[in-house]
Amino acid sequence: MPAAAPNAFTVDLEGWYQSLRPDPDEVPLAAQRDGIREGVDRLLELCGRRGVKATWFTLGSVAELMPAELRAIAGAGHEVASHGYGHDDVDLLGAEGFAADLAKAEGLIEGACGAKPRGYRSPKWSAGRAGAWYFDALRQRGYAYDSSLNPVPLLGARGMRHDVHRVRGVAELPPTAVRTLVGGLPCGGSVGLRNLTHRVIARRVAALNAAGEPAMFWVHPWELAQKRLAGRMPLATRLVCNVARVDLAARLDRLFGEFPFGTAQAALDARVARGPLPEVETPAFREARA
């Protein structure tokens, strides 16, 4: 049996409005600052206590608003990656718009913490509706990896892979999902991480590690912050934010005690050390929106 692979623990550094985008009542990012800071502090404490280094997929707008927090994250030894500037869907930005957004976010993140991001995650898994130009843009700007192709039908596409692979020269670390008869279900983050039992999640991580593959987990600061619900929220959004809310910090703490977790880059390095990644020239994409 292959040795257990290190798993990736990642944070999408954004506010709750950016995560769920309930139009038309936009909540300014500045109004979410306290909730973001609270979640960041809890995550830094948890990771510090467990010795876990995480990857923080950071919005350029958050780096612009909260540079001190980003410096604290980088200063604690965590990896800082990019999540774009304003959490806009990359398929709607198009090739030229995405390239500009990528460069803008990169400049703000590097300016805030002194580290150039080498990894990227598309807002709302929207890379799954893009095309080959998405990976070409990442490669041209020197990004080593992406974590955006979600193998869950509602978030990605049925044909998306569960293993680490390479697309047009860029490594792809897909978020962890559980295989079912109806397709993948989210397992490593968000609603899935808050709703599935510990046993189901742990079994999936163990199965991936036994195959030499890393699990990819992701959370948002607002999921650990009491001040996450700044501003008015539509009923549907409120339900998504609160459905089956477990003590996420306690759940993560238990997982950190059972499995090795680190940055996305560390997980990628460990996987590459086992052998070459499968090459995929054209991955499964969802139908692009008009």
Protein backbone atom coordinates (compact mmCIF):
# COMPACT_ATOMS: atom_id res chain seq x y z
CA MET A 1 0.00 0.00 0.00
CA PRO A 2 1.43 3.44 -0.92
CA ALA A 3 2.51 5.71 1.92
CA ALA A 4 -0.04 8.21 3.16
CA ALA A 5 0.09 11.50 1.27
CA PRO A 6 0.05 14.88 3.05
CA ASN A 7 -3.32 16.55 2.64
CA ALA A 8 -4.00 20.17 1.76
CA PHE A 9 -5.83 22.48 4.15
CA THR A 10 -6.92 25.71 2.46
CA VAL A 11 -8.86 28.85 3.33
CA ASP A 12 -10.81 30.99 0.87
CA LEU A 13 -10.01 34.40 2.37
CA GLU A 14 -13.19 36.36 1.65
CA GLY A 15 -16.36 37.57 3.35
CA TRP A 16 -19.66 35.71 3.53
CA TYR A 17 -21.15 37.93 0.83
CA GLN A 18 -18.37 36.98 -1.57
CA SER A 19 -18.97 33.30 -0.82
CA LEU A 20 -22.70 33.43 -1.54
CA ARG A 21 -23.25 36.64 -3.52
CA PRO A 22 -26.97 37.26 -2.75
CA ASP A 23 -27.96 39.91 -5.28
CA PRO A 24 -29.14 42.59 -5.35
CA ASP A 25 -28.44 43.65 -1.72
CA GLU A 26 -24.68 43.93 -1.90
CA VAL A 27 -22.80 44.08 1.41
CA PRO A 28 -19.56 46.11 1.17
CA LEU A 29 -16.44 44.16 2.01
CA ALA A 30 -15.48 46.76 4.63
CA ALA A 31 -18.68 45.92 6.55
CA GLN A 32 -17.47 42.32 6.82
CA ARG A 33 -14.01 43.17 8.14
CA ASP A 34 -14.68 42.20 11.78
CA GLY A 35 -16.13 38.84 10.80
CA ILE A 36 -13.22 38.09 8.48
CA ARG A 37 -10.71 39.05 11.18
CA GLU A 38 -12.44 36.89 13.78
CA GLY A 39 -12.38 33.86 11.50
CA VAL A 40 -8.74 34.48 10.56
CA ASP A 41 -7.74 34.67 14.22
CA ARG A 42 -9.51 31.40 15.06
CA LEU A 43 -7.94 29.62 12.11
CA LEU A 44 -4.46 30.92 12.92
CA GLU A 45 -4.86 29.75 16.52
CA LEU A 46 -6.07 26.30 15.49
CA CYS A 47 -3.39 25.80 12.85
CA GLY A 48 -0.70 27.10 15.20
CA ARG A 49 -1.73 24.71 17.97
CA ARG A 50 -1.78 21.74 15.60
CA GLY A 51 1.34 22.73 13.65
CA VAL A 52 -0.60 22.91 10.36
CA LYS A 53 0.52 25.26 7.61
CA ALA A 54 -2.40 26.20 5.35
CA THR A 55 -2.83 27.77 1.94
CA TRP A 56 -4.91 30.96 1.99
CA PHE A 57 -6.58 31.63 -1.36
CA THR A 58 -6.86 35.39 -0.93
CA LEU A 59 -9.01 37.92 -2.74
CA GLY A 60 -7.03 40.90 -3.96
CA SER A 61 -9.75 43.11 -2.47
CA VAL A 62 -9.13 41.56 0.96
CA ALA A 63 -5.38 42.06 0.60
CA GLU A 64 -6.12 45.69 -0.27
CA LEU A 65 -8.44 46.15 2.74
CA MET A 66 -6.58 44.08 5.32
CA PRO A 67 -2.84 44.01 4.54
CA ALA A 68 -1.87 43.61 8.21
CA GLU A 69 -3.86 40.38 8.45
CA LEU A 70 -2.21 39.06 5.30
CA ARG A 71 1.23 39.86 6.70
CA ALA A 72 0.32 37.98 9.89
CA ILE A 73 -0.76 34.95 7.85
CA ALA A 74 2.45 34.91 5.81
CA GLY A 75 4.51 35.66 8.92
CA ALA A 76 3.12 32.52 10.58
CA GLY A 77 4.57 30.43 7.76
CA HIS A 78 1.39 29.86 5.76
CA GLU A 79 1.23 29.90 1.98
CA VAL A 80 -0.63 32.80 0.38
CA ALA A 81 -2.27 32.05 -2.97
CA SER A 82 -4.68 33.97 -5.21
CA HIS A 83 -8.48 33.88 -5.40
CA GLY A 84 -8.79 36.71 -7.92
CA TYR A 85 -9.58 40.31 -7.10
CA GLY A 86 -13.32 40.75 -6.55
CA HIS A 87 -14.69 37.17 -6.57
CA ASP A 88 -16.02 37.52 -10.10
CA ASP A 89 -16.79 34.41 -12.14
CA VAL A 90 -13.88 33.83 -14.49
CA ASP A 91 -16.09 32.53 -17.30
CA LEU A 92 -17.99 35.83 -17.30
CA LEU A 93 -14.75 37.83 -17.23
CA GLY A 94 -13.56 36.08 -20.39
CA ALA A 95 -9.95 35.52 -21.39
CA GLU A 96 -8.83 39.17 -21.41
CA GLY A 97 -10.79 40.12 -18.31
CA PHE A 98 -9.46 37.12 -16.41
CA ALA A 99 -5.86 37.93 -17.31
CA ALA A 100 -6.33 41.50 -16.02
CA ASP A 101 -8.07 40.32 -12.84
CA LEU A 102 -5.31 37.78 -12.22
CA ALA A 103 -2.58 40.41 -12.54
CA LYS A 104 -4.43 42.93 -10.33
CA ALA A 105 -4.96 40.44 -7.51
CA GLU A 106 -1.41 39.18 -7.77
CA GLY A 107 0.02 42.68 -7.41
CA LEU A 108 -2.07 43.50 -4.34
CA ILE A 109 -1.31 40.19 -2.62
CA GLU A 110 2.43 40.48 -3.24
CA GLY A 111 2.36 44.12 -2.15
CA ALA A 112 0.63 43.23 1.13
CA CYS A 113 2.75 40.28 2.24
CA GLY A 114 5.82 40.22 -0.03
CA ALA A 115 5.04 36.80 -1.49
CA LYS A 116 4.03 36.20 -5.09
CA PRO A 117 1.19 33.66 -5.25
CA ARG A 118 1.99 30.40 -7.04
CA GLY A 119 -1.46 28.84 -6.69
CA TYR A 120 -4.94 29.94 -7.76
CA ARG A 121 -8.56 29.03 -7.04
CA SER A 122 -11.38 30.43 -9.17
CA PRO A 123 -14.29 32.13 -7.37
CA LYS A 124 -17.33 29.86 -7.01
CA TRP A 125 -15.54 27.07 -8.95
CA SER A 126 -16.26 29.10 -12.09
CA ALA A 127 -13.20 27.76 -13.93
CA GLY A 128 -15.38 24.76 -14.65
CA ARG A 129 -17.33 26.92 -17.13
CA ALA A 130 -14.25 28.46 -18.75
CA GLY A 131 -12.03 26.95 -21.40
CA ALA A 132 -8.42 26.20 -22.24
CA TRP A 133 -7.62 29.93 -22.06
CA TYR A 134 -8.04 29.75 -18.28
CA PHE A 135 -5.10 27.36 -17.80
CA ASP A 136 -3.08 29.13 -20.48
CA ALA A 137 -3.37 32.39 -18.53
CA LEU A 138 -2.25 30.71 -15.29
CA ARG A 139 0.71 29.07 -17.01
CA GLN A 140 1.78 32.30 -18.72
CA ARG A 141 1.90 34.11 -15.36
CA GLY A 142 3.94 31.33 -13.79
CA TYR A 143 1.34 29.68 -11.56
CA ALA A 144 2.35 26.18 -10.47
CA TYR A 145 -1.08 24.86 -9.59
CA ASP A 146 -4.82 25.44 -9.58
CA SER A 147 -7.58 24.11 -7.32
CA SER A 148 -10.83 24.87 -9.14
CA LEU A 149 -12.20 21.86 -11.03
CA ASN A 150 -14.78 20.52 -8.58
CA PRO A 151 -15.91 16.92 -9.28
CA VAL A 152 -19.42 17.66 -7.95
CA PRO A 153 -22.16 17.99 -10.61
CA LEU A 154 -23.72 21.15 -9.16
CA LEU A 155 -20.34 22.81 -8.69
CA GLY A 156 -18.32 21.30 -11.52
CA ALA A 157 -19.04 18.53 -13.98
CA ARG A 158 -19.60 14.79 -13.79
CA GLY A 159 -16.47 14.06 -15.82
CA MET A 160 -14.05 16.04 -13.64
CA ARG A 161 -11.29 14.02 -11.99
CA HIS A 162 -10.82 13.32 -8.28
CA ASP A 163 -7.03 12.84 -8.49
CA VAL A 164 -4.23 15.36 -8.88
CA HIS A 165 -3.44 15.84 -12.56
CA ARG A 166 -1.95 18.35 -14.97
CA VAL A 167 -3.86 20.53 -17.42
CA ARG A 168 -1.90 22.39 -20.11
CA GLY A 169 1.20 22.60 -17.91
CA VAL A 170 -0.61 23.55 -14.67
CA ALA A 171 -1.14 21.05 -11.85
CA GLU A 172 -4.79 20.68 -10.79
CA LEU A 173 -5.60 19.76 -7.17
CA PRO A 174 -9.36 19.13 -7.14
CA PRO A 175 -11.39 19.68 -3.96
CA THR A 176 -12.26 16.46 -2.19
CA ALA A 177 -15.60 14.84 -2.93
CA VAL A 178 -17.26 11.53 -2.06
CA ARG A 179 -18.22 9.28 -4.98
CA THR A 180 -21.89 8.25 -5.07
CA LEU A 181 -24.28 6.76 -7.63
CA VAL A 182 -25.50 10.26 -8.50
CA GLY A 183 -22.00 11.70 -8.82
CA GLY A 184 -19.63 13.41 -6.40
CA LEU A 185 -20.80 15.06 -3.18
CA PRO A 186 -18.67 17.74 -1.51
CA CYS A 187 -16.72 16.31 1.38
CA GLY A 188 -13.70 18.50 2.10
CA GLY A 189 -15.39 21.82 2.72
CA SER A 190 -18.34 24.13 3.14
CA VAL A 191 -21.78 22.48 3.50
CA GLY A 192 -20.35 18.98 3.08
CA LEU A 193 -17.74 19.43 5.79
CA ARG A 194 -20.42 20.78 8.13
CA ASN A 195 -23.03 18.09 7.39
CA LEU A 196 -21.34 14.77 6.67
CA THR A 197 -20.31 12.64 9.64
CA HIS A 198 -16.71 12.50 10.76
CA ARG A 199 -16.64 8.83 9.80
CA VAL A 200 -17.62 9.53 6.19
CA ILE A 201 -15.06 12.31 5.84
CA ALA A 202 -12.26 10.36 7.51
CA ARG A 203 -12.91 7.28 5.36
CA ARG A 204 -12.63 9.36 2.20
CA VAL A 205 -9.35 10.95 3.33
CA ALA A 206 -7.95 7.54 4.28
CA ALA A 207 -8.93 6.07 0.91
CA LEU A 208 -7.25 8.91 -1.00
CA ASN A 209 -4.10 8.66 1.11
CA ALA A 210 -3.96 4.88 0.66
CA ALA A 211 -3.89 5.52 -3.09
CA GLY A 212 -1.10 8.08 -2.65
CA GLU A 213 -3.41 11.03 -3.36
CA PRO A 214 -3.89 14.09 -1.12
CA ALA A 215 -7.26 15.26 0.13
CA MET A 216 -8.05 18.93 -0.53
CA PHE A 217 -10.00 20.70 2.24
CA TRP A 218 -11.32 24.25 2.12
CA VAL A 219 -13.10 26.55 4.57
CA HIS A 220 -14.10 30.22 4.80
CA PRO A 221 -13.37 32.56 7.74
CA TRP A 222 -17.10 33.30 8.19
CA GLU A 223 -17.72 29.63 8.96
CA LEU A 224 -15.76 30.04 12.19
CA ALA A 225 -16.82 33.59 13.07
CA GLN A 226 -19.83 34.69 15.09
CA LYS A 227 -19.79 38.06 13.30
CA ARG A 228 -20.03 36.50 9.84
CA LEU A 229 -23.62 37.65 9.18
CA ALA A 230 -23.03 41.35 8.64
CA GLY A 231 -25.88 43.04 6.85
CA ARG A 232 -29.23 41.73 5.61
CA MET A 233 -29.41 38.26 4.12
CA PRO A 234 -32.09 36.64 1.96
CA LEU A 235 -33.71 33.60 3.56
CA ALA A 236 -32.09 31.10 1.17
CA THR A 237 -28.65 32.54 1.91
CA ARG A 238 -29.25 32.45 5.65
CA LEU A 239 -30.17 28.78 5.41
CA VAL A 240 -26.99 27.96 3.50
CA CYS A 241 -24.89 29.84 6.05
CA ASN A 242 -26.45 28.12 9.04
CA VAL A 243 -27.63 24.66 7.93
CA ALA A 244 -26.34 21.99 10.31
CA ARG A 245 -23.64 24.27 11.67
CA VAL A 246 -21.28 22.09 13.68
CA ASP A 247 -18.39 23.38 15.73
CA LEU A 248 -16.18 23.50 12.67
CA ALA A 249 -13.06 24.28 14.69
CA ALA A 250 -13.60 21.12 16.76
CA ARG A 251 -14.21 19.05 13.63
CA LEU A 252 -11.03 20.35 12.00
CA ASP A 253 -9.07 19.82 15.20
CA ARG A 254 -10.06 16.15 15.22
CA LEU A 255 -9.12 15.68 11.57
CA PHE A 256 -5.77 17.41 12.11
CA GLY A 257 -5.08 14.92 14.88
CA GLU A 258 -5.77 11.94 12.62
CA PHE A 259 -4.26 12.93 9.28
CA PRO A 260 -1.26 14.96 8.06
CA PHE A 261 -2.26 18.36 6.64
CA GLY A 262 -0.19 21.11 5.08
CA THR A 263 -0.20 23.63 2.25
CA ALA A 264 -1.45 22.91 -1.24
CA GLN A 265 2.10 23.31 -2.52
CA ALA A 266 3.41 20.76 0.00
CA ALA A 267 0.67 18.31 -0.96
CA LEU A 268 1.51 18.79 -4.64
CA ASP A 269 5.23 18.30 -4.02
CA ALA A 270 4.56 15.05 -2.14
CA ARG A 271 2.32 13.77 -4.92
CA VAL A 272 4.82 14.64 -7.66
CA ALA A 273 7.56 12.85 -5.71
CA ARG A 274 5.58 9.61 -6.18
CA GLY A 275 5.62 9.90 -9.97
CA PRO A 276 4.45 12.01 -12.92
CA LEU A 277 0.95 13.46 -12.91
CA PRO A 278 -1.58 12.34 -15.51
CA GLU A 279 -1.75 14.84 -18.37
CA VAL A 280 -5.18 16.15 -19.45
CA GLU A 281 -5.21 18.45 -22.47
CA THR A 282 -8.92 19.28 -22.33
CA PRO A 283 -10.70 18.60 -19.02
CA ALA A 284 -14.45 18.26 -18.61
CA PHE A 285 -16.11 21.67 -18.55
CA ARG A 286 -19.64 22.71 -17.78
CA GLU A 287 -21.59 24.52 -20.44
CA ALA A 288 -20.55 28.16 -20.50
CA ARG A 289 -23.23 30.70 -19.63
CA ALA A 290 -24.39 33.17 -22.24
